[in-house]
C-alpha atoms as a PDB file:
ATOM      1  CA  MET A   1     115.006 110.956  63.300  1.00  0.00           C
ATOM      2  CA  ALA A   2     113.825 109.562  66.614  1.00  0.00           C
ATOM      3  CA  GLN A   3     113.398 105.856  66.777  1.00  0.00           C
ATOM      4  CA  THR A   4     110.520 104.438  68.820  1.00  0.00           C
ATOM      5  CA  LEU A   5     111.341 101.807  71.386  1.00  0.00           C
ATOM      6  CA  PRO A   6     109.894  98.369  70.914  1.00  0.00           C
ATOM      7  CA  ARG A   7     107.075  97.552  73.294  1.00  0.00           C
ATOM      8  CA  SER A   8     109.158  95.274  75.547  1.00  0.00           C
ATOM      9  CA  GLU A   9     111.829  97.960  76.004  1.00  0.00           C
ATOM     10  CA  GLU A  10     109.150 100.510  76.909  1.00  0.00           C
ATOM     11  CA  VAL A  11     107.773  98.119  79.508  1.00  0.00           C
ATOM     12  CA  SER A  12     111.240  97.444  80.924  1.00  0.00           C
ATOM     13  CA  ALA A  13     111.891 101.175  81.195  1.00  0.00           C
ATOM     14  CA  GLU A  14     108.537 101.716  82.891  1.00  0.00           C
ATOM     15  CA  MET A  15     109.148  98.888  85.358  1.00  0.00           C
ATOM     16  CA  ALA A  16     112.633 100.227  86.096  1.00  0.00           C
ATOM     17  CA  ALA A  17     111.054 103.600  86.912  1.00  0.00           C
ATOM     18  CA  HIS A  18     108.618 101.856  89.266  1.00  0.00           C
ATOM     19  CA  VAL A  19     111.451 100.025  91.024  1.00  0.00           C
ATOM     20  CA  VAL A  20     113.382 103.295  91.454  1.00  0.00           C
ATOM     21  CA  ASP A  21     110.215 104.854  92.876  1.00  0.00           C
ATOM     22  CA  ILE A  22     109.790 101.993  95.373  1.00  0.00           C
ATOM     23  CA  GLU A  23     113.432 102.291  96.432  1.00  0.00           C
ATOM     24  CA  GLN A  24     113.066 106.050  96.940  1.00  0.00           C
ATOM     25  CA  ARG A  25     109.882 105.618  98.959  1.00  0.00           C
ATOM     26  CA  LEU A  26     111.606 103.023 101.146  1.00  0.00           C
ATOM     27  CA  SER A  27     114.437 105.476 101.753  1.00  0.00           C
ATOM     28  CA  GLU A  28     111.927 108.139 102.747  1.00  0.00           C
ATOM     29  CA  LEU A  29     110.277 105.665 105.107  1.00  0.00           C
ATOM     30  CA  ASP A  30     113.701 104.889 106.619  1.00  0.00           C
ATOM     31  CA  LYS A  31     114.208 108.621 107.238  1.00  0.00           C
ATOM     32  CA  ALA A  32     110.758 108.883 108.810  1.00  0.00           C
ATOM     33  CA  PHE A  33     111.519 105.969 111.147  1.00  0.00           C
ATOM     34  CA  ALA A  34     114.806 107.616 112.108  1.00  0.00           C
ATOM     35  CA  SER A  35     113.037 110.902 112.873  1.00  0.00           C
ATOM     36  CA  GLY A  36     110.481 109.184 115.106  1.00  0.00           C
ATOM     37  CA  ASP A  37     107.715 111.391 113.709  1.00  0.00           C
ATOM     38  CA  GLY A  38     104.565 109.252 113.733  1.00  0.00           C
ATOM     39  CA  GLU A  39     102.732 111.427 111.224  1.00  0.00           C
ATOM     40  CA  GLN A  40     105.669 111.321 108.814  1.00  0.00           C
ATOM     41  CA  ILE A  41     105.919 107.539 109.205  1.00  0.00           C
ATOM     42  CA  ALA A  42     102.223 107.130 108.411  1.00  0.00           C
ATOM     43  CA  GLN A  43     102.483 109.463 105.417  1.00  0.00           C
ATOM     44  CA  GLN A  44     105.545 107.706 103.981  1.00  0.00           C
ATOM     45  CA  SER A  45     103.906 104.310 104.546  1.00  0.00           C
ATOM     46  CA  LEU A  46     100.903 105.442 102.525  1.00  0.00           C
ATOM     47  CA  HIS A  47     103.176 106.744  99.754  1.00  0.00           C
ATOM     48  CA  LEU A  48     104.945 103.375  99.666  1.00  0.00           C
ATOM     49  CA  GLN A  49     101.645 101.481  99.521  1.00  0.00           C
ATOM     50  CA  ARG A  50     100.457 103.712  96.696  1.00  0.00           C
ATOM     51  CA  GLY A  51     103.708 103.187  94.775  1.00  0.00           C
ATOM     52  CA  LEU A  52     103.500  99.429  95.228  1.00  0.00           C
ATOM     53  CA  ALA A  53      99.901  99.404  93.982  1.00  0.00           C
ATOM     54  CA  GLU A  54     100.838 101.454  90.906  1.00  0.00           C
ATOM     55  CA  SER A  55     103.741  99.102  90.193  1.00  0.00           C
ATOM     56  CA  LEU A  56     101.488  96.091  90.479  1.00  0.00           C
ATOM     57  CA  VAL A  57      99.021  97.587  87.995  1.00  0.00           C
ATOM     58  CA  ALA A  58     101.832  98.236  85.492  1.00  0.00           C
ATOM     59  CA  PHE A  59     103.217  94.733  86.025  1.00  0.00           C
ATOM     60  CA  ARG A  60      99.836  93.104  85.410  1.00  0.00           C
ATOM     61  CA  LYS A  61      99.202  95.175  82.264  1.00  0.00           C
ATOM     62  CA  ALA A  62     102.562  94.130  80.843  1.00  0.00           C
ATOM     63  CA  GLU A  63     101.972  90.506  81.759  1.00  0.00           C
ATOM     64  CA  GLN A  64      98.523  90.559  80.108  1.00  0.00           C
ATOM     65  CA  ALA A  65     100.146  91.933  76.962  1.00  0.00           C
ATOM     66  CA  GLY A  66     102.352  88.837  76.961  1.00  0.00           C
ATOM     67  CA  LEU A  67     105.550  90.647  77.899  1.00  0.00           C
ATOM     68  CA  MET A  68     108.119  89.857  80.575  1.00  0.00           C
ATOM     69  CA  PRO A  69     107.993  93.031  82.649  1.00  0.00           C
ATOM     70  CA  LEU A  70     110.879  92.256  85.009  1.00  0.00           C
ATOM     71  CA  THR A  71     114.483  91.719  84.047  1.00  0.00           C
ATOM     72  CA  ASP A  72     116.806  89.744  86.308  1.00  0.00           C
ATOM     73  CA  GLU A  73     118.294  93.010  87.570  1.00  0.00           C
ATOM     74  CA  LEU A  74     114.862  94.387  88.479  1.00  0.00           C
ATOM     75  CA  ARG A  75     113.958  91.145  90.253  1.00  0.00           C
ATOM     76  CA  SER A  76     117.159  91.381  92.250  1.00  0.00           C
ATOM     77  CA  ARG A  77     116.463  95.002  93.194  1.00  0.00           C
ATOM     78  CA  LEU A  78     112.917  94.118  94.248  1.00  0.00           C
ATOM     79  CA  LYS A  79     114.239  91.299  96.424  1.00  0.00           C
ATOM     80  CA  LEU A  80     116.589  93.785  98.097  1.00  0.00           C
ATOM     81  CA  ALA A  81     113.634  96.120  98.627  1.00  0.00           C
ATOM     82  CA  GLN A  82     111.710  93.236 100.178  1.00  0.00           C
ATOM     83  CA  THR A  83     114.631  92.588 102.515  1.00  0.00           C
ATOM     84  CA  ARG A  84     114.607  96.251 103.553  1.00  0.00           C
ATOM     85  CA  VAL A  85     110.877  96.058 104.307  1.00  0.00           C
ATOM     86  CA  LEU A  86     111.387  92.911 106.375  1.00  0.00           C
ATOM     87  CA  ALA A  87     114.181  94.630 108.317  1.00  0.00           C
ATOM     88  CA  GLN A  88     111.929  97.630 108.981  1.00  0.00           C
ATOM     89  CA  GLN A  89     109.151  95.313 110.103  1.00  0.00           C
ATOM     90  CA  ALA A  90     111.508  93.437 112.429  1.00  0.00           C
ATOM     91  CA  ALA A  91     112.699  96.722 113.962  1.00  0.00           C
ATOM     92  CA  VAL A  92     109.111  97.810 114.581  1.00  0.00           C
ATOM     93  CA  ASN A  93     108.289  94.429 116.132  1.00  0.00           C
ATOM     94  CA  ARG A  94     111.323  94.632 118.441  1.00  0.00           C
ATOM     95  CA  ALA A  95     110.361  98.135 119.528  1.00  0.00           C
ATOM     96  CA  ASN A  96     106.783  97.023 120.136  1.00  0.00           C
ATOM     97  CA  ALA A  97     107.918  94.053 122.240  1.00  0.00           C
ATOM     98  CA  SER A  98     110.224  96.291 124.246  1.00  0.00           C
ATOM     99  CA  ILE A  99     107.431  98.767 124.913  1.00  0.00           C
ATOM    100  CA  ASP A 100     105.085  95.932 125.930  1.00  0.00           C
ATOM    101  CA  ARG A 101     107.665  94.548 128.386  1.00  0.00           C
ATOM    102  CA  THR A 102     108.282  97.975 129.880  1.00  0.00           C
ATOM    103  CA  LEU A 103     104.588  98.723 130.262  1.00  0.00           C
ATOM    104  CA  SER A 104     103.911  95.338 131.845  1.00  0.00           C
ATOM    105  CA  VAL A 105     106.566  96.100 134.475  1.00  0.00           C
ATOM    106  CA  LEU A 106     105.301  99.627 135.085  1.00  0.00           C
ATOM    107  CA  PHE A 107     101.632  98.646 135.087  1.00  0.00           C
ATOM    108  CA  PRO A 108     101.323  95.052 136.285  1.00  0.00           C
ATOM    109  CA  ARG A 109      98.009  93.405 135.665  1.00  0.00           C
ATOM    110  CA  GLU A 110      95.897  93.085 138.731  1.00  0.00           C
ATOM    111  CA  GLU A 111      93.942  89.942 139.239  1.00  0.00           C
ATOM    112  CA  SER A 112      90.286  90.538 138.748  1.00  0.00           C
ATOM    113  CA  SER A 113      88.165  89.649 141.710  1.00  0.00           C
ATOM    114  CA  THR A 114      85.237  89.059 139.376  1.00  0.00           C
ATOM    115  CA  TYR A 115      86.769  86.388 137.164  1.00  0.00           C
ATOM    116  CA  GLY A 116      90.087  85.524 138.733  1.00  0.00           C
ATOM    117  CA  ASN A 117      88.793  83.447 141.627  1.00  0.00           C
ATOM    118  CA  LEU A 118      86.077  81.418 139.907  1.00  0.00           C
ATOM    119  CA  ALA A 119      88.174  78.272 139.765  1.00  0.00           C
ATOM    120  CA  GLN A 120      89.732  78.712 143.203  1.00  0.00           C
ATOM    121  CA  THR A 121      88.430  75.608 144.900  1.00  0.00           C
ATOM    122  CA  PRO A 122      90.216  74.184 147.940  1.00  0.00           C
ATOM    123  CA  VAL A 123      91.816  71.521 145.726  1.00  0.00           C
ATOM    124  CA  SER A 124      93.121  74.040 143.165  1.00  0.00           C
ATOM    125  CA  LYS A 125      94.467  76.231 145.985  1.00  0.00           C
ATOM    126  CA  ALA A 126      96.329  73.242 147.419  1.00  0.00           C
ATOM    127  CA  LEU A 127      97.784  72.311 144.005  1.00  0.00           C
ATOM    128  CA  ASN A 128      98.841  75.909 143.340  1.00  0.00           C
ATOM    129  CA  ALA A 129     100.624  76.039 146.680  1.00  0.00           C
ATOM    130  CA  TYR A 130     103.240  73.610 145.348  1.00  0.00           C
ATOM    131  CA  ARG A 131     103.974  75.489 142.129  1.00  0.00           C
END
C-alpha cells in the first residue's frame, strides 16, 4: 500500500527538483558560453530565467501555505548556483571591457568640431598647454 508523503515532504521534493533544474540550466549556459554561439547563449539564458521564475512561484506557494520550502542543503546549493551566475557575469564583464579597450584603440574618437571647441578660449588653451 503506497503511503502519501506529508505536505512538507512534497514541497521539499518539489523544491529539490527546481534546484536540480536550475543547476542543469546553469550547466547548459556554461556550455553555450564555451561554444561562443550567441543564439545558444540567448536561448539558454531564457531557459534559465524561465526556470528561476517557475522556482520562485513554487517557493511563494509553499511559503503562503506556511511551509519552509528550502532545507539547509537546498539553500547551500542555491548559494553555489548564485556564485556560478556571478562568475559568469564577471567573465562577460571582463570580455566586454576587453572588447571596449580594443575598439577604442582601433577606432579612436575624433574630436567633434561642432562641440569640442566651444570652450576653447585663449585662457583655456593656455591652461591646457601646461597639462
